[in-house]
Structures are given as structure tokens and as C-alpha cells.
Amino acid sequence: MSIWVRPPKRKRDQPALSREKIVSAAIELLDAEGIDALSMRKLGIRLDVAAASMYTHLAGKDELVELVVDEIYGEVALPEPGPWRAAATRFAHDLRSVFLRHPWIGSLLGEAGVAYLGPNVLRLSEAALALFEDAGFSLDDADLAFNTVMAFVVGRATSEAAWLTTLKRSGQSEREWKDRLWPAAEQAVQDHPRLKKLYAAQRERKPEETNDSDFERGLGCVLDGLAAKLPWST
């Protein structure tokens, strides 16, 4: 069902190989070559071991994905006690930064299944629940608050990461891509007055500034909605 239901194994004749080394090499491979590069064969080459030897430590690629996803969540700073809105904002920005640093991670989330039982995910969830519960949310509403923030950040960051991956493959900067696309975009929205007005207003904005500003504004809307759930807000 999941790699988290059984402990890691060690093989006497291969003390240098471990789950930790396999996961580290997998992340290096993904960072260097992207999601399409991840295979047990390529990973074995990177580790200089036969692919079959890795099956002592994990059953296959599905378990590797679980381990990799949990390792990436381990890079996210735990929400700290304090004013809940400021702490949630810091957490959201840090989570976004981690996803943009590893732009392939969004593609692996669906493959990780529903068994989010890794130690890093559990620590992160517990800290977030404590933050929202201490702020005055019931435990059920704290769970809703955490999942809502996660959904916004993961969705937004995954879209940003996909865009950045596309740009990297094209060999163009965001500005170059935008300048080439803009005439066609303006022509396409001629019969759509709201889109035409919106596009015109965004024409001179720097792409990176747009991404940061839109993330901040969207997160603010999410936190405003959560604040309305607090008992003293009604």
C-alpha cells in the first residue's frame, strides 16, 4: 500500500546504499533533467549500482515517489507559533519557494497516492494544525484552514513551475516570450472587452512582479476568508 507501512531494510554486502542516498540521487536527477528523466535505470547509473540492488530498499518507482515527495516537504519551514496570519503567510511563501526550486514536484503529487504518512508531511501538518488551533479555530476548522492554504499555494506554485519549465525548454526569457506572444494575444481578445482591458493593464508589468503580486493578493483573499471563520469575526 505504501512504503511508510514497512521499515527500511539494509543489505550487508551494500552498506553504502540506503533509502536516503537513493532519494538524494533521485532529487538531483529530477532537478537536473526533469520529471521525464526519473527511472530506476537512470537512477542506478547515477548511483553506480545495478537497478536491481535498489529493490532491497524499496519495492519500485511508486515507493520512490513517496519518499521523494516527503523529502521535498521536509525543505519547508514548519509554521512557527505566533500571530496566525503572519505565520501562515510566511509558511505559504516558503512552500511556494520550495515548489519553484523543484518545479517537477507538482507532477509527482498525484503519483504519491493518498498515503501521506511520511515523517516530514506529518510534522508539517501537526505544526500547521497547532498554529490554526491556537488562533481560535476548532480542530476541524484548523484542518480546513491548513488544507485551503495548501490547495491555493500548491495549485498556484504548480502552475508557475510548469510555466518556468516551458520557458527553460524554449531557451527564452519570460520577457522574450511575452513580447513575442503579446501581439497575438491582443488580437485574440479584441471582441472581449474585459480581457482586452485586463491585458492592456498588464502589458508593461514585469512577469516576475506579476507572479509575486498575484500570489500575494490571492493569498490575502484566502486568509481573509479563513479569518471570517474565527468565532469573534461574526
Protein backbone atom coordinates (compact mmCIF):
# COMPACT_ATOMS: atom_id res chain seq x y z
CA MET A 1 0.00 0.00 0.00
CA SER A 2 2.72 2.44 0.95
CA ILE A 3 6.40 2.49 1.79
CA TRP A 4 5.52 4.02 5.16
CA VAL A 5 3.95 0.76 6.38
CA ARG A 6 7.26 -1.08 6.47
CA PRO A 7 10.73 -0.18 7.83
CA PRO A 8 13.78 0.27 5.61
CA LYS A 9 15.99 -2.75 5.01
CA ARG A 10 19.75 -2.85 4.93
CA LYS A 11 21.83 -5.26 2.91
CA ARG A 12 25.12 -6.36 4.41
CA ASP A 13 27.05 -6.52 1.15
CA GLN A 14 25.96 -3.00 0.14
CA PRO A 15 26.34 -0.83 3.24
CA ALA A 16 26.88 2.29 1.14
CA LEU A 17 23.39 2.12 -0.38
CA SER A 18 20.39 3.32 1.62
CA ARG A 19 16.97 4.86 1.14
CA GLU A 20 18.46 8.25 1.95
CA LYS A 21 21.12 8.02 -0.76
CA ILE A 22 18.62 6.75 -3.30
CA VAL A 23 16.23 9.62 -2.56
CA SER A 24 19.03 12.21 -2.66
CA ALA A 25 20.20 10.92 -6.03
CA ALA A 26 16.63 10.91 -7.35
CA ILE A 27 16.15 14.56 -6.39
CA GLU A 28 19.45 15.51 -8.02
CA LEU A 29 18.36 13.70 -11.18
CA LEU A 30 14.97 15.41 -11.20
CA ASP A 31 16.50 18.85 -10.60
CA ALA A 32 19.00 18.33 -13.40
CA GLU A 33 16.84 16.64 -16.05
CA GLY A 34 13.19 16.99 -15.07
CA ILE A 35 10.34 14.60 -14.46
CA ASP A 36 10.77 12.61 -17.67
CA ALA A 37 14.26 11.53 -16.59
CA LEU A 38 13.15 9.65 -13.49
CA SER A 39 13.60 5.91 -13.93
CA MET A 40 15.14 3.17 -11.85
CA ARG A 41 17.64 2.52 -14.63
CA LYS A 42 18.88 6.12 -14.81
CA LEU A 43 18.93 6.32 -11.05
CA GLY A 44 21.07 3.18 -10.89
CA ILE A 45 23.53 4.75 -13.32
CA ARG A 46 23.73 7.88 -11.21
CA LEU A 47 24.39 5.81 -8.09
CA ASP A 48 26.73 3.47 -9.98
CA VAL A 49 24.75 0.42 -8.88
CA ALA A 50 22.60 -2.14 -10.64
CA ALA A 51 18.97 -1.05 -10.67
CA ALA A 52 18.02 -4.38 -9.11
CA SER A 53 20.07 -3.59 -5.99
CA MET A 54 17.79 -0.67 -5.16
CA TYR A 55 14.85 -3.04 -4.78
CA THR A 56 16.36 -4.14 -1.48
CA HIS A 57 15.41 -0.72 -0.13
CA LEU A 58 12.18 -0.01 -1.97
CA ALA A 59 9.69 -2.03 -3.99
CA GLY A 60 9.74 0.19 -7.06
CA LYS A 61 9.19 3.62 -8.52
CA ASP A 62 5.91 4.23 -6.68
CA GLU A 63 7.64 3.95 -3.33
CA LEU A 64 10.49 6.13 -4.58
CA VAL A 65 7.96 8.83 -5.45
CA GLU A 66 6.51 8.69 -1.93
CA LEU A 67 9.98 9.14 -0.45
CA VAL A 68 10.90 11.98 -2.81
CA VAL A 69 7.68 13.90 -2.13
CA ASP A 70 8.16 13.61 1.62
CA GLU A 71 11.79 14.72 1.33
CA ILE A 72 10.77 17.85 -0.57
CA TYR A 73 8.14 18.71 2.04
CA GLY A 74 10.96 18.43 4.56
CA GLU A 75 12.52 21.54 2.99
CA VAL A 76 9.51 23.64 4.01
CA ALA A 77 9.97 25.51 7.28
CA LEU A 78 7.43 24.49 9.91
CA PRO A 79 4.86 27.17 10.79
CA GLU A 80 6.00 28.88 13.98
CA PRO A 81 3.82 29.84 16.94
CA GLY A 82 2.68 33.45 16.94
CA PRO A 83 0.10 35.63 15.17
CA TRP A 84 -1.54 33.09 12.90
CA ARG A 85 -1.91 35.27 9.81
CA ALA A 86 1.75 36.34 9.71
CA ALA A 87 2.88 32.76 10.35
CA ALA A 88 0.56 31.37 7.65
CA THR A 89 1.87 33.98 5.20
CA ARG A 90 5.49 33.01 5.88
CA PHE A 91 4.62 29.35 5.53
CA ALA A 92 2.83 29.93 2.22
CA HIS A 93 5.74 31.89 0.75
CA ASP A 94 8.24 29.26 1.87
CA LEU A 95 6.15 26.44 0.39
CA ARG A 96 5.91 28.33 -2.90
CA SER A 97 9.68 28.83 -2.94
CA VAL A 98 10.29 25.11 -2.43
CA PHE A 99 7.92 24.21 -5.28
CA LEU A 100 9.59 26.70 -7.62
CA ARG A 101 13.01 25.38 -6.62
CA HIS A 102 11.88 21.88 -7.61
CA PRO A 103 9.45 22.62 -10.48
CA TRP A 104 8.81 18.91 -11.14
CA ILE A 105 7.29 18.27 -7.70
CA GLY A 106 3.74 19.10 -8.77
CA SER A 107 3.85 16.30 -11.32
CA LEU A 108 4.68 13.79 -8.60
CA LEU A 109 1.97 14.72 -6.10
CA GLY A 110 -0.72 12.76 -7.91
CA GLU A 111 1.57 9.75 -8.15
CA ALA A 112 2.25 9.78 -4.41
CA GLY A 113 -1.26 8.46 -3.76
CA VAL A 114 -3.27 9.25 -0.66
CA ALA A 115 -0.95 7.69 1.92
CA TYR A 116 0.74 10.87 3.11
CA LEU A 117 2.34 9.19 6.11
CA GLY A 118 5.90 10.40 5.67
CA PRO A 119 7.54 11.96 8.73
CA ASN A 120 8.05 15.35 7.12
CA VAL A 121 4.45 15.63 5.95
CA LEU A 122 3.19 14.60 9.40
CA ARG A 123 5.42 17.13 11.20
CA LEU A 124 4.30 19.88 8.82
CA SER A 125 0.63 19.00 9.25
CA GLU A 126 0.87 18.85 13.05
CA ALA A 127 2.60 22.24 13.23
CA ALA A 128 0.03 23.84 10.92
CA LEU A 129 -2.89 22.40 12.87
CA ALA A 130 -1.38 23.73 16.11
CA LEU A 131 -0.96 27.19 14.56
CA PHE A 132 -4.58 27.44 13.44
CA GLU A 133 -5.99 25.83 16.58
CA ASP A 134 -4.04 28.23 18.79
CA ALA A 135 -5.51 31.07 16.73
CA GLY A 136 -9.01 30.04 17.77
CA PHE A 137 -10.08 27.64 15.04
CA SER A 138 -11.69 24.37 16.09
CA LEU A 139 -9.62 21.34 15.15
CA ASP A 140 -11.93 20.64 12.19
CA ASP A 141 -11.68 24.25 11.02
CA ALA A 142 -7.90 24.20 11.58
CA ASP A 143 -7.74 21.21 9.24
CA LEU A 144 -9.89 23.09 6.71
CA ALA A 145 -7.68 26.18 7.03
CA PHE A 146 -4.47 24.23 6.50
CA ASN A 147 -5.84 22.32 3.51
CA THR A 148 -7.21 25.53 1.98
CA VAL A 149 -3.85 27.30 2.22
CA MET A 150 -2.10 24.21 0.87
CA ALA A 151 -4.54 23.96 -2.06
CA PHE A 152 -4.00 27.59 -3.02
CA VAL A 153 -0.21 27.51 -2.76
CA VAL A 154 0.26 24.12 -4.42
CA GLY A 155 -2.12 25.00 -7.25
CA ARG A 156 -0.57 28.40 -7.86
CA ALA A 157 3.05 27.23 -7.50
CA THR A 158 2.50 24.19 -9.70
CA SER A 159 1.18 26.42 -12.49
CA GLU A 160 4.12 28.79 -12.08
CA ALA A 161 6.58 25.90 -12.08
CA ALA A 162 5.04 24.44 -15.25
CA TRP A 163 5.39 27.84 -16.94
CA LEU A 164 9.02 28.17 -15.87
CA THR A 165 9.74 24.66 -17.15
CA THR A 166 8.23 25.56 -20.51
CA LEU A 167 10.37 28.69 -20.68
CA LYS A 168 13.52 26.75 -19.82
CA ARG A 169 12.85 24.29 -22.62
CA SER A 170 12.24 27.13 -25.06
CA GLY A 171 15.51 28.86 -24.23
CA GLN A 172 13.70 32.21 -23.89
CA SER A 173 13.24 34.58 -21.00
CA GLU A 174 9.77 35.47 -19.72
CA ARG A 175 10.12 38.91 -21.30
CA GLU A 176 11.11 37.47 -24.69
CA TRP A 177 8.22 35.01 -24.62
CA LYS A 178 5.76 37.71 -23.60
CA ASP A 179 6.92 40.15 -26.28
CA ARG A 180 6.53 37.51 -28.99
CA LEU A 181 3.12 36.37 -27.79
CA TRP A 182 1.59 39.74 -26.97
CA PRO A 183 0.51 40.89 -30.46
CA ALA A 184 -1.39 37.63 -31.00
CA ALA A 185 -2.92 37.86 -27.52
CA GLU A 186 -4.11 41.41 -28.09
CA GLN A 187 -5.65 40.40 -31.40
CA ALA A 188 -7.38 37.40 -29.83
CA VAL A 189 -9.17 39.49 -27.18
CA GLN A 190 -10.44 42.27 -29.45
CA ASP A 191 -14.03 41.07 -29.06
CA HIS A 192 -13.73 40.51 -25.31
CA PRO A 193 -13.73 43.96 -23.64
CA ARG A 194 -12.88 42.83 -20.12
CA LEU A 195 -9.96 40.70 -21.26
CA LYS A 196 -8.81 43.48 -23.58
CA LYS A 197 -8.78 45.97 -20.70
CA LEU A 198 -7.04 43.49 -18.41
CA TYR A 199 -4.36 42.62 -20.96
CA ALA A 200 -3.69 46.28 -21.68
CA ALA A 201 -3.19 46.98 -17.97
CA GLN A 202 -0.75 44.08 -17.69
CA ARG A 203 1.22 44.89 -20.84
CA GLU A 204 4.11 46.69 -19.16
CA ARG A 205 4.23 44.72 -15.94
CA LYS A 206 7.32 42.59 -15.48
CA PRO A 207 6.36 38.88 -15.45
CA GLU A 208 8.14 38.12 -12.17
CA GLU A 209 6.49 41.11 -10.49
CA THR A 210 3.11 39.96 -11.77
CA ASN A 211 3.62 36.47 -10.36
CA ASP A 212 4.67 37.76 -6.93
CA SER A 213 1.91 40.35 -6.75
CA ASP A 214 -0.82 37.94 -7.86
CA PHE A 215 0.35 35.34 -5.36
CA GLU A 216 0.32 37.89 -2.53
CA ARG A 217 -3.13 39.18 -3.44
CA GLY A 218 -4.58 35.71 -3.85
CA LEU A 219 -3.14 34.55 -0.55
CA GLY A 220 -4.62 37.62 1.11
CA CYS A 221 -8.07 36.67 -0.18
CA VAL A 222 -7.64 33.11 1.16
CA LEU A 223 -6.59 34.35 4.60
CA ASP A 224 -9.42 36.91 4.68
CA GLY A 225 -11.86 34.06 4.07
CA LEU A 226 -10.31 31.95 6.81
CA ALA A 227 -10.36 34.86 9.25
CA ALA A 228 -14.12 35.06 8.77
CA LYS A 229 -14.38 31.55 10.26
CA LEU A 230 -12.97 32.67 13.61
CA PRO A 231 -15.61 32.83 16.35
CA TRP A 232 -15.10 36.52 17.15
CA SER A 233 -15.38 37.59 13.49
CA THR A 234 -19.17 37.10 13.43
